[in-house]
C-alpha atoms as a PDB file:
ATOM      1  CA  MET A   1     -17.958 -51.816  10.015  1.00  0.00           C
ATOM      2  CA  ALA A   2     -14.304 -50.965  10.157  1.00  0.00           C
ATOM      3  CA  SER A   3     -13.183 -47.861   8.310  1.00  0.00           C
ATOM      4  CA  ASP A   4     -10.549 -49.924   6.511  1.00  0.00           C
ATOM      5  CA  TRP A   5     -13.072 -52.346   5.005  1.00  0.00           C
ATOM      6  CA  GLU A   6     -13.049 -52.592   1.217  1.00  0.00           C
ATOM      7  CA  PRO A   7     -15.214 -54.717  -1.057  1.00  0.00           C
ATOM      8  CA  LYS A   8     -13.677 -57.794  -2.613  1.00  0.00           C
ATOM      9  CA  GLU A   9     -13.612 -58.368  -6.349  1.00  0.00           C
ATOM     10  CA  GLU A  10     -16.533 -60.805  -6.072  1.00  0.00           C
ATOM     11  CA  HIS A  11     -18.650 -58.036  -4.499  1.00  0.00           C
ATOM     12  CA  GLN A  12     -18.371 -55.763  -7.543  1.00  0.00           C
ATOM     13  CA  ALA A  13     -21.280 -57.304  -9.465  1.00  0.00           C
ATOM     14  CA  ILE A  14     -23.773 -57.012  -6.609  1.00  0.00           C
ATOM     15  CA  ILE A  15     -22.603 -53.467  -5.884  1.00  0.00           C
ATOM     16  CA  ALA A  16     -23.122 -52.520  -9.534  1.00  0.00           C
ATOM     17  CA  ARG A  17     -26.608 -54.124  -9.578  1.00  0.00           C
ATOM     18  CA  SER A  18     -27.560 -52.378  -6.344  1.00  0.00           C
ATOM     19  CA  LEU A  19     -26.400 -48.990  -7.606  1.00  0.00           C
ATOM     20  CA  GLU A  20     -28.306 -49.471 -10.843  1.00  0.00           C
ATOM     21  CA  PHE A  21     -31.441 -50.393  -8.870  1.00  0.00           C
ATOM     22  CA  ILE A  22     -31.130 -47.345  -6.613  1.00  0.00           C
ATOM     23  CA  PHE A  23     -30.535 -45.012  -9.573  1.00  0.00           C
ATOM     24  CA  ASP A  24     -33.530 -46.483 -11.408  1.00  0.00           C
ATOM     25  CA  GLU A  25     -35.795 -46.155  -8.375  1.00  0.00           C
ATOM     26  CA  LEU A  26     -34.801 -42.523  -7.804  1.00  0.00           C
ATOM     27  CA  ALA A  27     -35.298 -41.722 -11.496  1.00  0.00           C
ATOM     28  CA  GLU A  28     -38.728 -43.378 -11.395  1.00  0.00           C
ATOM     29  CA  LEU A  29     -39.650 -41.397  -8.288  1.00  0.00           C
ATOM     30  CA  GLN A  30     -38.532 -38.161  -9.916  1.00  0.00           C
ATOM     31  CA  GLU A  31     -40.523 -38.942 -13.040  1.00  0.00           C
ATOM     32  CA  ALA A  32     -43.650 -39.769 -11.025  1.00  0.00           C
ATOM     33  CA  LEU A  33     -43.415 -36.636  -8.878  1.00  0.00           C
ATOM     34  CA  HIS A  34     -42.074 -34.263 -11.528  1.00  0.00           C
ATOM     35  CA  CYS A  35     -39.758 -32.904  -8.854  1.00  0.00           C
ATOM     36  CA  PRO A  36     -36.353 -31.238  -9.085  1.00  0.00           C
ATOM     37  CA  ASN A  37     -33.056 -33.035  -8.561  1.00  0.00           C
ATOM     38  CA  SER A  38     -32.698 -31.292  -5.202  1.00  0.00           C
ATOM     39  CA  PHE A  39     -35.718 -33.183  -3.834  1.00  0.00           C
ATOM     40  CA  ILE A  40     -34.274 -36.503  -4.997  1.00  0.00           C
ATOM     41  CA  VAL A  41     -31.027 -35.604  -3.235  1.00  0.00           C
ATOM     42  CA  GLU A  42     -33.022 -34.932  -0.042  1.00  0.00           C
ATOM     43  CA  ILE A  43     -34.619 -38.379  -0.307  1.00  0.00           C
ATOM     44  CA  ALA A  44     -31.242 -40.051  -0.861  1.00  0.00           C
ATOM     45  CA  ASN A  45     -29.779 -38.152   2.095  1.00  0.00           C
ATOM     46  CA  LYS A  46     -32.584 -39.428   4.335  1.00  0.00           C
ATOM     47  CA  VAL A  47     -31.589 -42.984   3.482  1.00  0.00           C
ATOM     48  CA  ILE A  48     -27.909 -42.226   4.027  1.00  0.00           C
ATOM     49  CA  SER A  49     -28.551 -40.498   7.358  1.00  0.00           C
ATOM     50  CA  GLU A  50     -30.236 -43.618   8.730  1.00  0.00           C
ATOM     51  CA  TYR A  51     -27.068 -45.575   8.108  1.00  0.00           C
ATOM     52  CA  LYS A  52     -24.886 -42.843   9.593  1.00  0.00           C
ATOM     53  CA  THR A  53     -26.934 -42.188  12.741  1.00  0.00           C
ATOM     54  CA  ASN A  54     -28.111 -45.701  13.558  1.00  0.00           C
ATOM     55  CA  GLN A  55     -25.079 -47.582  12.316  1.00  0.00           C
ATOM     56  CA  ILE A  56     -27.443 -50.089  10.744  1.00  0.00           C
ATOM     57  CA  THR A  57     -25.792 -53.395   9.976  1.00  0.00           C
ATOM     58  CA  ILE A  58     -27.603 -56.206   8.267  1.00  0.00           C
ATOM     59  CA  ARG A  59     -25.880 -59.520   8.924  1.00  0.00           C
ATOM     60  CA  ARG A  60     -27.575 -62.272   6.996  1.00  0.00           C
ATOM     61  CA  ASP A  61     -24.813 -64.705   7.860  1.00  0.00           C
ATOM     62  CA  GLU A  62     -25.870 -64.627  11.527  1.00  0.00           C
ATOM     63  CA  GLU A  63     -29.458 -65.716  10.903  1.00  0.00           C
END
């Protein structure tokens, strides 16, 4: 993905839904584990690091 890429206006709704889903899942995980925020941050960073190190790109339009 190019560093100058920006989402279009029509992407805003799916981005908002995805963020809400991620927040909800992390909150649910924290509630289930009774863990501190720092552990949730570690989990989120593991997800982020996969995208940074592997440059994962999911292209559904090429299927």
